[in-house]
PDB file of N, CA and C in Angstrom:
ATOM      1  N   UNK A   1       0.804  -1.094  -0.026  1.00  0.00           N
ATOM      2  CA  UNK A   1       0.100  -0.097   0.018  1.00  0.00           C
ATOM      3  C   UNK A   1       0.832   1.153  -0.074  1.00  0.00           C
ATOM      4  N   UNK A   2       0.633   1.987  -0.935  1.00  0.00           N
ATOM      5  CA  UNK A   2       1.284   3.389  -0.898  1.00  0.00           C
ATOM      6  C   UNK A   2       0.219   4.653  -0.660  1.00  0.00           C
ATOM      7  N   UNK A   3       0.994   5.541   0.103  1.00  0.00           N
ATOM      8  CA  UNK A   3       0.053   6.579   0.710  1.00  0.00           C
ATOM      9  C   UNK A   3       0.720   7.770   0.457  1.00  0.00           C
ATOM     10  N   UNK A   4      -0.202   8.856  -0.074  1.00  0.00           N
ATOM     11  CA  UNK A   4       0.221  10.117  -0.376  1.00  0.00           C
ATOM     12  C   UNK A   4      -0.743  10.920   0.184  1.00  0.00           C
ATOM     13  N   UNK A   5      -0.359  12.280   0.552  1.00  0.00           N
ATOM     14  CA  UNK A   5      -1.208  13.451   0.929  1.00  0.00           C
ATOM     15  C   UNK A   5      -1.176  14.601  -0.015  1.00  0.00           C
ATOM     16  N   UNK A   6      -2.117  15.140   0.018  1.00  0.00           N
ATOM     17  CA  UNK A   6      -2.183  16.514  -0.554  1.00  0.00           C
ATOM     18  C   UNK A   6      -3.523  17.282   0.030  1.00  0.00           C
ATOM     19  N   UNK A   7      -3.575  18.720  -0.167  1.00  0.00           N
ATOM     20  CA  UNK A   7      -4.554  19.262   0.453  1.00  0.00           C
ATOM     21  C   UNK A   7      -5.441  20.033  -0.689  1.00  0.00           C
ATOM     22  N   UNK A   8      -6.538  20.390  -0.201  1.00  0.00           N
ATOM     23  CA  UNK A   8      -7.770  20.897  -1.128  1.00  0.00           C
ATOM     24  C   UNK A   8      -8.244  21.743   0.077  1.00  0.00           C
ATOM     25  N   UNK A   9      -8.418  22.841  -0.112  1.00  0.00           N
ATOM     26  CA  UNK A   9      -9.092  23.952   0.709  1.00  0.00           C
ATOM     27  C   UNK A   9      -8.590  23.465   2.416  1.00  0.00           C
ATOM     28  N   UNK A  10      -9.368  23.225   3.121  1.00  0.00           N
ATOM     29  CA  UNK A  10      -8.886  22.940   4.549  1.00  0.00           C
ATOM     30  C   UNK A  10      -9.055  21.372   4.839  1.00  0.00           C
ATOM     31  N   UNK A  11      -9.071  20.745   3.738  1.00  0.00           N
ATOM     32  CA  UNK A  11      -8.968  19.360   3.749  1.00  0.00           C
ATOM     33  C   UNK A  11      -7.616  18.544   3.469  1.00  0.00           C
ATOM     34  N   UNK A  12      -7.268  17.772   3.992  1.00  0.00           N
ATOM     35  CA  UNK A  12      -6.105  17.101   3.747  1.00  0.00           C
ATOM     36  C   UNK A  12      -6.634  15.547   3.026  1.00  0.00           C
ATOM     37  N   UNK A  13      -6.280  15.399   1.756  1.00  0.00           N
ATOM     38  CA  UNK A  13      -6.462  14.266   1.161  1.00  0.00           C
ATOM     39  C   UNK A  13      -5.560  13.133   1.300  1.00  0.00           C
ATOM     40  N   UNK A  14      -5.968  11.962   1.799  1.00  0.00           N
ATOM     41  CA  UNK A  14      -4.948  10.836   2.007  1.00  0.00           C
ATOM     42  C   UNK A  14      -5.201   9.775   0.807  1.00  0.00           C
ATOM     43  N   UNK A  15      -4.561   9.608  -0.155  1.00  0.00           N
ATOM     44  CA  UNK A  15      -4.868   8.673  -1.438  1.00  0.00           C
ATOM     45  C   UNK A  15      -3.994   7.397  -0.949  1.00  0.00           C
ATOM     46  N   UNK A  16      -4.796   6.596  -1.070  1.00  0.00           N
ATOM     47  CA  UNK A  16      -4.308   5.025  -0.776  1.00  0.00           C
ATOM     48  C   UNK A  16      -4.333   4.277  -1.881  1.00  0.00           C
ATOM     49  N   UNK A  17      -3.144   3.608  -2.377  1.00  0.00           N
ATOM     50  CA  UNK A  17      -3.104   2.974  -3.389  1.00  0.00           C
ATOM     51  C   UNK A  17      -2.597   1.513  -2.961  1.00  0.00           C
ATOM     52  N   UNK A  18      -3.441   0.478  -3.524  1.00  0.00           N
ATOM     53  CA  UNK A  18      -3.213  -1.128  -3.348  1.00  0.00           C
ATOM     54  C   UNK A  18      -4.232  -1.383  -2.349  1.00  0.00           C
ATOM     55  N   UNK A  19      -3.793  -2.393  -1.640  1.00  0.00           N
ATOM     56  CA  UNK A  19      -4.712  -3.034  -0.495  1.00  0.00           C
ATOM     57  C   UNK A  19      -4.675  -2.355   0.502  1.00  0.00           C
ATOM     58  N   UNK A  20      -5.751  -1.963   1.150  1.00  0.00           N
ATOM     59  CA  UNK A  20      -6.146  -1.540   2.408  1.00  0.00           C
ATOM     60  C   UNK A  20      -6.514  -2.591   3.435  1.00  0.00           C
ATOM     61  N   UNK A  21      -5.169  -3.232   3.987  1.00  0.00           N
ATOM     62  CA  UNK A  21      -5.638  -4.423   4.670  1.00  0.00           C
ATOM     63  C   UNK A  21      -4.806  -4.196   6.098  1.00  0.00           C
ATOM     64  N   UNK A  22      -4.953  -5.120   6.927  1.00  0.00           N
ATOM     65  CA  UNK A  22      -4.587  -4.960   8.347  1.00  0.00           C
ATOM     66  C   UNK A  22      -2.932  -4.747   8.162  1.00  0.00           C
ATOM     67  N   UNK A  23      -2.161  -5.626   7.309  1.00  0.00           N
ATOM     68  CA  UNK A  23      -0.657  -5.534   7.471  1.00  0.00           C
ATOM     69  C   UNK A  23      -0.245  -4.188   7.042  1.00  0.00           C
ATOM     70  N   UNK A  24      -0.994  -3.362   6.251  1.00  0.00           N
ATOM     71  CA  UNK A  24      -0.653  -1.929   5.963  1.00  0.00           C
ATOM     72  C   UNK A  24      -1.023  -0.986   6.906  1.00  0.00           C
ATOM     73  N   UNK A  25      -1.682  -1.347   7.716  1.00  0.00           N
ATOM     74  CA  UNK A  25      -2.456  -0.407   8.561  1.00  0.00           C
ATOM     75  C   UNK A  25      -1.423   0.585   9.472  1.00  0.00           C
ATOM     76  N   UNK A  26      -0.382   0.221   9.818  1.00  0.00           N
ATOM     77  CA  UNK A  26       0.513   0.914  10.687  1.00  0.00           C
ATOM     78  C   UNK A  26       0.914   2.273   9.999  1.00  0.00           C
ATOM     79  N   UNK A  27       1.339   1.882   8.444  1.00  0.00           N
ATOM     80  CA  UNK A  27       1.695   3.145   7.912  1.00  0.00           C
ATOM     81  C   UNK A  27       0.766   4.228   7.745  1.00  0.00           C
ATOM     82  N   UNK A  28      -0.614   3.738   7.661  1.00  0.00           N
ATOM     83  CA  UNK A  28      -1.649   4.752   7.329  1.00  0.00           C
ATOM     84  C   UNK A  28      -1.923   5.301   8.649  1.00  0.00           C
ATOM     85  N   UNK A  29      -1.952   4.570   9.879  1.00  0.00           N
ATOM     86  CA  UNK A  29      -2.297   5.166  11.092  1.00  0.00           C
ATOM     87  C   UNK A  29      -1.062   6.122  11.408  1.00  0.00           C
ATOM     88  N   UNK A  30       0.109   6.073  11.120  1.00  0.00           N
ATOM     89  CA  UNK A  30       1.109   6.779  11.269  1.00  0.00           C
ATOM     90  C   UNK A  30       0.950   8.057  10.664  1.00  0.00           C
ATOM     91  N   UNK A  31       0.380   8.032   9.445  1.00  0.00           N
ATOM     92  CA  UNK A  31       0.251   9.253   8.771  1.00  0.00           C
ATOM     93  C   UNK A  31      -1.079   9.930   9.172  1.00  0.00           C
ATOM     94  N   UNK A  32      -1.969   9.249   9.682  1.00  0.00           N
ATOM     95  CA  UNK A  32      -3.211  10.020  10.476  1.00  0.00           C
ATOM     96  C   UNK A  32      -2.792  10.645  11.630  1.00  0.00           C
ATOM     97  N   UNK A  33      -2.072  10.025  12.436  1.00  0.00           N
ATOM     98  CA  UNK A  33      -1.424  10.314  13.851  1.00  0.00           C
ATOM     99  C   UNK A  33      -0.829  11.678  13.417  1.00  0.00           C
ATOM    100  N   UNK A  34      -0.057  11.798  12.515  1.00  0.00           N
ATOM    101  CA  UNK A  34       0.653  12.976  12.422  1.00  0.00           C
ATOM    102  C   UNK A  34      -0.121  14.078  11.805  1.00  0.00           C
ATOM    103  N   UNK A  35      -1.183  13.829  11.046  1.00  0.00           N
ATOM    104  CA  UNK A  35      -2.214  14.853  10.708  1.00  0.00           C
ATOM    105  C   UNK A  35      -2.776  15.390  11.817  1.00  0.00           C
ATOM    106  N   UNK A  36      -3.315  14.383  12.773  1.00  0.00           N
ATOM    107  CA  UNK A  36      -3.945  14.933  13.874  1.00  0.00           C
ATOM    108  C   UNK A  36      -3.026  15.757  15.031  1.00  0.00           C
ATOM    109  N   UNK A  37      -1.832  15.150  15.008  1.00  0.00           N
ATOM    110  CA  UNK A  37      -0.847  16.094  15.807  1.00  0.00           C
ATOM    111  C   UNK A  37      -0.430  17.416  15.215  1.00  0.00           C
ATOM    112  N   UNK A  38      -0.824  17.628  13.964  1.00  0.00           N
ATOM    113  CA  UNK A  38      -0.564  18.860  13.407  1.00  0.00           C
ATOM    114  C   UNK A  38      -1.841  19.766  13.207  1.00  0.00           C
ATOM    115  N   UNK A  39      -2.748  19.320  13.953  1.00  0.00           N
ATOM    116  CA  UNK A  39      -4.433  19.796  13.994  1.00  0.00           C
ATOM    117  C   UNK A  39      -4.856  20.035  12.540  1.00  0.00           C
ATOM    118  N   UNK A  40      -4.661  18.953  12.092  1.00  0.00           N
ATOM    119  CA  UNK A  40      -5.295  18.969  10.518  1.00  0.00           C
ATOM    120  C   UNK A  40      -7.042  18.606  10.788  1.00  0.00           C
ATOM    121  N   UNK A  41      -7.788  19.634  10.292  1.00  0.00           N
ATOM    122  CA  UNK A  41      -9.190  19.604  10.789  1.00  0.00           C
ATOM    123  C   UNK A  41      -9.987  18.608  10.183  1.00  0.00           C
ATOM    124  N   UNK A  42      -9.784  18.400   8.701  1.00  0.00           N
ATOM    125  CA  UNK A  42     -10.556  17.382   8.021  1.00  0.00           C
ATOM    126  C   UNK A  42      -9.674  16.632   6.975  1.00  0.00           C
ATOM    127  N   UNK A  43     -10.006  15.243   7.079  1.00  0.00           N
ATOM    128  CA  UNK A  43      -9.204  14.224   6.218  1.00  0.00           C
ATOM    129  C   UNK A  43     -10.434  13.543   5.143  1.00  0.00           C
ATOM    130  N   UNK A  44     -10.022  13.418   4.093  1.00  0.00           N
ATOM    131  CA  UNK A  44     -10.702  12.898   3.005  1.00  0.00           C
ATOM    132  C   UNK A  44      -9.922  11.673   2.509  1.00  0.00           C
ATOM    133  N   UNK A  45     -10.269  10.291   2.466  1.00  0.00           N
ATOM    134  CA  UNK A  45      -9.629   9.369   2.061  1.00  0.00           C
ATOM    135  C   UNK A  45     -10.068   9.307   0.580  1.00  0.00           C
ATOM    136  N   UNK A  46      -9.134   9.089  -0.213  1.00  0.00           N
ATOM    137  CA  UNK A  46      -9.298   8.834  -1.615  1.00  0.00           C
ATOM    138  C   UNK A  46      -9.059   7.416  -1.887  1.00  0.00           C
ATOM    139  N   UNK A  47     -10.021   6.918  -2.327  1.00  0.00           N
ATOM    140  CA  UNK A  47      -9.805   5.379  -2.412  1.00  0.00           C
ATOM    141  C   UNK A  47      -9.719   4.754  -4.063  1.00  0.00           C
ATOM    142  N   UNK A  48      -9.446   6.050  -4.782  1.00  0.00           N
ATOM    143  CA  UNK A  48      -9.583   5.739  -6.261  1.00  0.00           C
ATOM    144  C   UNK A  48      -8.493   4.639  -6.583  1.00  0.00           C
ATOM    145  N   UNK A  49      -7.521   4.442  -5.970  1.00  0.00           N
ATOM    146  CA  UNK A  49      -6.500   3.535  -6.245  1.00  0.00           C
ATOM    147  C   UNK A  49      -6.488   2.315  -5.358  1.00  0.00           C
ATOM    148  N   UNK A  50      -7.478   2.404  -4.462  1.00  0.00           N
ATOM    149  CA  UNK A  50      -7.494   1.128  -3.667  1.00  0.00           C
ATOM    150  C   UNK A  50      -8.308   0.032  -4.286  1.00  0.00           C
ATOM    151  N   UNK A  51      -7.393  -1.278  -4.197  1.00  0.00           N
ATOM    152  CA  UNK A  51      -7.986  -2.215  -5.021  1.00  0.00           C
ATOM    153  C   UNK A  51      -9.059  -3.192  -3.933  1.00  0.00           C
ATOM    154  N   UNK A  52      -8.578  -3.294  -2.925  1.00  0.00           N
ATOM    155  CA  UNK A  52      -9.378  -4.011  -1.863  1.00  0.00           C
ATOM    156  C   UNK A  52      -9.238  -3.527  -0.508  1.00  0.00           C
ATOM    157  N   UNK A  53     -10.088  -3.920   0.515  1.00  0.00           N
ATOM    158  CA  UNK A  53      -9.934  -3.597   1.851  1.00  0.00           C
ATOM    159  C   UNK A  53     -10.326  -4.723   2.750  1.00  0.00           C
ATOM    160  N   UNK A  54     -10.248  -4.938   4.139  1.00  0.00           N
ATOM    161  CA  UNK A  54     -10.583  -5.761   4.946  1.00  0.00           C
ATOM    162  C   UNK A  54     -11.385  -5.152   6.263  1.00  0.00           C
ATOM    163  N   UNK A  55     -11.718  -5.812   6.920  1.00  0.00           N
ATOM    164  CA  UNK A  55     -12.562  -5.161   7.976  1.00  0.00           C
ATOM    165  C   UNK A  55     -11.562  -4.470   9.092  1.00  0.00           C
ATOM    166  N   UNK A  56     -10.591  -4.668   8.901  1.00  0.00           N
ATOM    167  CA  UNK A  56      -9.444  -3.616   9.825  1.00  0.00           C
ATOM    168  C   UNK A  56      -9.729  -2.385   9.273  1.00  0.00           C
ATOM    169  N   UNK A  57      -9.853  -2.212   8.126  1.00  0.00           N
ATOM    170  CA  UNK A  57      -9.645  -0.830   7.315  1.00  0.00           C
ATOM    171  C   UNK A  57     -10.955  -0.011   7.556  1.00  0.00           C
ATOM    172  N   UNK A  58     -12.187  -0.902   7.598  1.00  0.00           N
ATOM    173  CA  UNK A  58     -13.578  -0.569   7.992  1.00  0.00           C
ATOM    174  C   UNK A  58     -13.362   0.328   9.507  1.00  0.00           C
ATOM    175  N   UNK A  59     -12.793  -0.532  10.253  1.00  0.00           N
ATOM    176  CA  UNK A  59     -12.681  -0.212  11.697  1.00  0.00           C
ATOM    177  C   UNK A  59     -11.636   1.036  12.045  1.00  0.00           C
ATOM    178  N   UNK A  60     -10.531   1.274  11.130  1.00  0.00           N
ATOM    179  CA  UNK A  60      -9.825   2.406  11.070  1.00  0.00           C
ATOM    180  C   UNK A  60     -10.537   3.794  10.679  1.00  0.00           C
ATOM    181  N   UNK A  61     -11.497   3.379   9.638  1.00  0.00           N
ATOM    182  CA  UNK A  61     -12.201   4.592   9.185  1.00  0.00           C
ATOM    183  C   UNK A  61     -13.137   5.111  10.078  1.00  0.00           C
ATOM    184  N   UNK A  62     -13.840   4.331  11.069  1.00  0.00           N
ATOM    185  CA  UNK A  62     -14.638   4.651  11.985  1.00  0.00           C
ATOM    186  C   UNK A  62     -13.920   5.204  13.279  1.00  0.00           C
ATOM    187  N   UNK A  63     -12.663   4.668  13.358  1.00  0.00           N
ATOM    188  CA  UNK A  63     -11.899   5.042  14.510  1.00  0.00           C
ATOM    189  C   UNK A  63     -11.372   6.491  14.174  1.00  0.00           C
ATOM    190  N   UNK A  64     -10.811   6.837  12.914  1.00  0.00           N
ATOM    191  CA  UNK A  64     -10.623   8.096  12.654  1.00  0.00           C
ATOM    192  C   UNK A  64     -11.565   9.189  12.458  1.00  0.00           C
ATOM    193  N   UNK A  65     -12.970   8.569  12.085  1.00  0.00           N
ATOM    194  CA  UNK A  65     -14.009   9.577  12.385  1.00  0.00           C
ATOM    195  C   UNK A  65     -14.209   9.940  13.716  1.00  0.00           C
ATOM    196  N   UNK A  66     -14.352   9.128  14.469  1.00  0.00           N
ATOM    197  CA  UNK A  66     -14.553   9.617  15.904  1.00  0.00           C
ATOM    198  C   UNK A  66     -13.479  10.402  16.429  1.00  0.00           C
ATOM    199  N   UNK A  67     -12.219  10.331  16.064  1.00  0.00           N
ATOM    200  CA  UNK A  67     -10.949  11.109  16.587  1.00  0.00           C
ATOM    201  C   UNK A  67     -11.230  12.341  16.084  1.00  0.00           C
ATOM    202  N   UNK A  68     -11.460  12.618  14.657  1.00  0.00           N
ATOM    203  CA  UNK A  68     -11.147  13.915  13.834  1.00  0.00           C
ATOM    204  C   UNK A  68     -12.517  14.785  14.289  1.00  0.00           C
ATOM    205  N   UNK A  69     -13.720  13.964  14.458  1.00  0.00           N
ATOM    206  CA  UNK A  69     -14.790  14.707  14.832  1.00  0.00           C
ATOM    207  C   UNK A  69     -14.909  15.088  16.248  1.00  0.00           C
ATOM    208  N   UNK A  70     -14.340  14.334  17.065  1.00  0.00           N
ATOM    209  CA  UNK A  70     -14.154  14.967  18.509  1.00  0.00           C
ATOM    210  C   UNK A  70     -13.287  16.116  18.813  1.00  0.00           C
ATOM    211  N   UNK A  71     -12.423  16.414  17.569  1.00  0.00           N
ATOM    212  CA  UNK A  71     -11.793  17.845  17.737  1.00  0.00           C
ATOM    213  C   UNK A  71     -12.481  18.759  16.871  1.00  0.00           C
ATOM    214  N   UNK A  72     -13.721  18.527  16.278  1.00  0.00           N
ATOM    215  CA  UNK A  72     -14.671  19.427  15.532  1.00  0.00           C
ATOM    216  C   UNK A  72     -14.280  19.473  14.059  1.00  0.00           C
ATOM    217  N   UNK A  73     -13.301  18.165  13.670  1.00  0.00           N
ATOM    218  CA  UNK A  73     -13.080  18.123  12.209  1.00  0.00           C
ATOM    219  C   UNK A  73     -14.065  17.136  11.511  1.00  0.00           C
ATOM    220  N   UNK A  74     -13.551  16.500  10.626  1.00  0.00           N
ATOM    221  CA  UNK A  74     -14.363  15.605   9.939  1.00  0.00           C
ATOM    222  C   UNK A  74     -13.708  14.738   8.952  1.00  0.00           C
ATOM    223  N   UNK A  75     -14.396  13.876   8.387  1.00  0.00           N
ATOM    224  CA  UNK A  75     -13.725  12.632   7.427  1.00  0.00           C
ATOM    225  C   UNK A  75     -14.832  12.449   6.332  1.00  0.00           C
ATOM    226  N   UNK A  76     -14.320  12.182   5.164  1.00  0.00           N
ATOM    227  CA  UNK A  76     -15.110  11.692   3.972  1.00  0.00           C
ATOM    228  C   UNK A  76     -14.208  10.836   3.293  1.00  0.00           C
ATOM    229  N   UNK A  77     -15.067  10.063   2.273  1.00  0.00           N
ATOM    230  CA  UNK A  77     -14.316   9.082   1.627  1.00  0.00           C
ATOM    231  C   UNK A  77     -14.823   9.264   0.109  1.00  0.00           C
ATOM    232  N   UNK A  78     -13.926   9.179  -0.983  1.00  0.00           N
ATOM    233  CA  UNK A  78     -14.372   9.084  -2.177  1.00  0.00           C
ATOM    234  C   UNK A  78     -13.399   8.239  -3.087  1.00  0.00           C
ATOM    235  N   UNK A  79     -14.034   7.934  -4.193  1.00  0.00           N
ATOM    236  CA  UNK A  79     -13.296   7.167  -5.058  1.00  0.00           C
ATOM    237  C   UNK A  79     -13.173   5.795  -5.018  1.00  0.00           C
ATOM    238  N   UNK A  80     -14.122   4.971  -4.313  1.00  0.00           N
ATOM    239  CA  UNK A  80     -14.198   3.664  -4.048  1.00  0.00           C
ATOM    240  C   UNK A  80     -14.784   2.906  -5.370  1.00  0.00           C
ATOM    241  N   UNK A  81     -14.161   1.802  -5.615  1.00  0.00           N
ATOM    242  CA  UNK A  81     -14.603   1.100  -6.758  1.00  0.00           C
ATOM    243  C   UNK A  81     -15.812   0.349  -6.485  1.00  0.00           C
ATOM    244  N   UNK A  82     -16.525  -0.423  -7.184  1.00  0.00           N
ATOM    245  CA  UNK A  82     -17.786  -0.980  -7.143  1.00  0.00           C
ATOM    246  C   UNK A  82     -17.493  -2.136  -5.914  1.00  0.00           C
ATOM    247  N   UNK A  83     -16.640  -2.923  -5.904  1.00  0.00           N
ATOM    248  CA  UNK A  83     -16.436  -3.785  -5.035  1.00  0.00           C
ATOM    249  C   UNK A  83     -16.352  -3.208  -3.489  1.00  0.00           C
ATOM    250  N   UNK A  84     -15.821  -2.062  -3.375  1.00  0.00           N
ATOM    251  CA  UNK A  84     -15.680  -1.420  -2.019  1.00  0.00           C
ATOM    252  C   UNK A  84     -16.981  -0.761  -1.723  1.00  0.00           C
ATOM    253  N   UNK A  85     -17.666  -0.180  -2.542  1.00  0.00           N
ATOM    254  CA  UNK A  85     -19.019   0.433  -2.568  1.00  0.00           C
ATOM    255  C   UNK A  85     -19.848  -0.689  -2.065  1.00  0.00           C
ATOM    256  N   UNK A  86     -19.938  -1.710  -2.758  1.00  0.00           N
ATOM    257  CA  UNK A  86     -20.755  -2.838  -2.099  1.00  0.00           C
ATOM    258  C   UNK A  86     -20.361  -3.282  -0.640  1.00  0.00           C
ATOM    259  N   UNK A  87     -19.214  -3.197  -0.383  1.00  0.00           N
ATOM    260  CA  UNK A  87     -18.653  -3.466   1.222  1.00  0.00           C
ATOM    261  C   UNK A  87     -19.421  -2.607   2.259  1.00  0.00           C
ATOM    262  N   UNK A  88     -19.229  -1.194   1.645  1.00  0.00           N
ATOM    263  CA  UNK A  88     -19.761   0.139   2.391  1.00  0.00           C
ATOM    264  C   UNK A  88     -21.177  -0.197   2.653  1.00  0.00           C
ATOM    265  N   UNK A  89     -21.844  -0.762   1.533  1.00  0.00           N
ATOM    266  CA  UNK A  89     -23.497  -0.762   1.726  1.00  0.00           C
ATOM    267  C   UNK A  89     -23.642  -2.120   2.581  1.00  0.00           C
ATOM    268  N   UNK A  90     -22.932  -3.140   2.609  1.00  0.00           N
ATOM    269  CA  UNK A  90     -23.273  -4.171   3.462  1.00  0.00           C
ATOM    270  C   UNK A  90     -23.105  -3.797   4.887  1.00  0.00           C
ATOM    271  N   UNK A  91     -22.016  -2.853   5.235  1.00  0.00           N
ATOM    272  CA  UNK A  91     -21.879  -2.518   6.633  1.00  0.00           C
ATOM    273  C   UNK A  91     -22.434  -1.168   6.915  1.00  0.00           C
ATOM    274  N   UNK A  92     -23.142  -0.491   5.983  1.00  0.00           N
ATOM    275  CA  UNK A  92     -23.853   0.670   6.321  1.00  0.00           C
ATOM    276  C   UNK A  92     -22.912   1.816   6.514  1.00  0.00           C
ATOM    277  N   UNK A  93     -21.652   1.833   6.022  1.00  0.00           N
ATOM    278  CA  UNK A  93     -20.724   2.683   6.284  1.00  0.00           C
ATOM    279  C   UNK A  93     -21.208   4.142   6.014  1.00  0.00           C
ATOM    280  N   UNK A  94     -22.162   4.078   4.607  1.00  0.00           N
ATOM    281  CA  UNK A  94     -22.609   5.513   4.375  1.00  0.00           C
ATOM    282  C   UNK A  94     -23.584   6.300   5.425  1.00  0.00           C
ATOM    283  N   UNK A  95     -24.154   5.320   6.313  1.00  0.00           N
ATOM    284  CA  UNK A  95     -24.679   5.898   7.309  1.00  0.00           C
ATOM    285  C   UNK A  95     -24.047   6.881   8.352  1.00  0.00           C
ATOM    286  N   UNK A  96     -22.598   6.681   8.482  1.00  0.00           N
ATOM    287  CA  UNK A  96     -22.046   7.365   9.508  1.00  0.00           C
ATOM    288  C   UNK A  96     -20.815   8.165   8.821  1.00  0.00           C
ATOM    289  N   UNK A  97     -20.405   7.973   7.647  1.00  0.00           N
ATOM    290  CA  UNK A  97     -19.355   8.529   6.913  1.00  0.00           C
ATOM    291  C   UNK A  97     -19.930   9.141   5.491  1.00  0.00           C
ATOM    292  N   UNK A  98     -19.400  10.377   5.200  1.00  0.00           N
ATOM    293  CA  UNK A  98     -20.049  10.670   3.854  1.00  0.00           C
ATOM    294  C   UNK A  98     -19.144  10.212   2.719  1.00  0.00           C
ATOM    295  N   UNK A  99     -19.680   9.534   2.110  1.00  0.00           N
ATOM    296  CA  UNK A  99     -19.050   8.697   0.794  1.00  0.00           C
ATOM    297  C   UNK A  99     -19.527   9.318  -0.335  1.00  0.00           C
ATOM    298  N   UNK A 100     -18.454   9.685  -1.332  1.00  0.00           N
ATOM    299  CA  UNK A 100     -18.751  10.400  -2.704  1.00  0.00           C
ATOM    300  C   UNK A 100     -18.077   9.478  -3.939  1.00  0.00           C
ATOM    301  N   UNK A 101     -18.885   9.585  -4.988  1.00  0.00           N
ATOM    302  CA  UNK A 101     -18.149   8.626  -6.095  1.00  0.00           C
ATOM    303  C   UNK A 101     -16.829   8.989  -6.521  1.00  0.00           C
ATOM    304  N   UNK A 102     -16.446  10.206  -6.515  1.00  0.00           N
ATOM    305  CA  UNK A 102     -15.342  10.632  -6.982  1.00  0.00           C
ATOM    306  C   UNK A 102     -14.665  11.995  -6.253  1.00  0.00           C
ATOM    307  N   UNK A 103     -13.437  12.555  -6.556  1.00  0.00           N
ATOM    308  CA  UNK A 103     -13.171  13.602  -6.044  1.00  0.00           C
ATOM    309  C   UNK A 103     -13.837  14.784  -6.488  1.00  0.00           C
ATOM    310  N   UNK A 104     -14.360  14.926  -7.737  1.00  0.00           N
ATOM    311  CA  UNK A 104     -15.284  16.048  -8.204  1.00  0.00           C
ATOM    312  C   UNK A 104     -16.403  16.297  -7.413  1.00  0.00           C
ATOM    313  N   UNK A 105     -17.027  15.066  -7.065  1.00  0.00           N
ATOM    314  CA  UNK A 105     -18.442  15.203  -6.250  1.00  0.00           C
ATOM    315  C   UNK A 105     -17.954  15.678  -4.921  1.00  0.00           C
ATOM    316  N   UNK A 106     -17.032  15.058  -4.262  1.00  0.00           N
ATOM    317  CA  UNK A 106     -16.457  15.373  -3.148  1.00  0.00           C
ATOM    318  C   UNK A 106     -16.179  16.965  -3.062  1.00  0.00           C
ATOM    319  N   UNK A 107     -15.496  17.354  -3.815  1.00  0.00           N
ATOM    320  CA  UNK A 107     -15.245  18.874  -3.927  1.00  0.00           C
ATOM    321  C   UNK A 107     -16.320  19.792  -4.012  1.00  0.00           C
ATOM    322  N   UNK A 108     -17.311  19.377  -4.884  1.00  0.00           N
ATOM    323  CA  UNK A 108     -18.692  20.073  -5.202  1.00  0.00           C
ATOM    324  C   UNK A 108     -19.366  20.081  -3.920  1.00  0.00           C
ATOM    325  N   UNK A 109     -19.619  18.974  -3.231  1.00  0.00           N
ATOM    326  CA  UNK A 109     -20.318  18.926  -2.044  1.00  0.00           C
ATOM    327  C   UNK A 109     -19.779  19.713  -1.025  1.00  0.00           C
ATOM    328  N   UNK A 110     -18.598  19.639  -0.756  1.00  0.00           N
ATOM    329  CA  UNK A 110     -17.800  20.422   0.151  1.00  0.00           C
ATOM    330  C   UNK A 110     -17.793  22.201  -0.140  1.00  0.00           C
ATOM    331  N   UNK A 111     -17.583  22.414  -1.376  1.00  0.00           N
ATOM    332  CA  UNK A 111     -17.949  23.769  -1.660  1.00  0.00           C
ATOM    333  C   UNK A 111     -19.116  24.275  -1.398  1.00  0.00           C
ATOM    334  N   UNK A 112     -20.262  23.446  -1.687  1.00  0.00           N
ATOM    335  CA  UNK A 112     -21.646  23.970  -1.302  1.00  0.00           C
ATOM    336  C   UNK A 112     -21.951  23.975  -0.015  1.00  0.00           C
ATOM    337  N   UNK A 113     -21.342  23.182   0.887  1.00  0.00           N
ATOM    338  CA  UNK A 113     -21.576  23.303   2.164  1.00  0.00           C
ATOM    339  C   UNK A 113     -20.688  24.259   2.979  1.00  0.00           C
ATOM    340  N   UNK A 114     -19.928  25.007   2.286  1.00  0.00           N
ATOM    341  CA  UNK A 114     -18.998  25.907   3.060  1.00  0.00           C
ATOM    342  C   UNK A 114     -19.702  27.035   3.290  1.00  0.00           C
TER     343      UNK A 114
END
């Protein structure tokens, strides 16, 4: 799994390439811990390059949602492929995390809500 960060407005976009699975979560957790330490208010996970994920990834998404929202921030997810969207639907992730089909939809929604 490769991780890259960029910014858009007051959001930090964390792009995840490859498998989003338990054996790779330490690197992502370190990235997110660093963002939290630097008072990053909002994080968007770009899953457009993510081929698959396991239950530990879902757990991490819910964990960072709680952590960032506790500080007045937020989290969003965009770019998930068909299989990931089906997984999100099975676990009802869209009920607790804002999920967008792609970065353009995410940016449009965030621009509208500002």
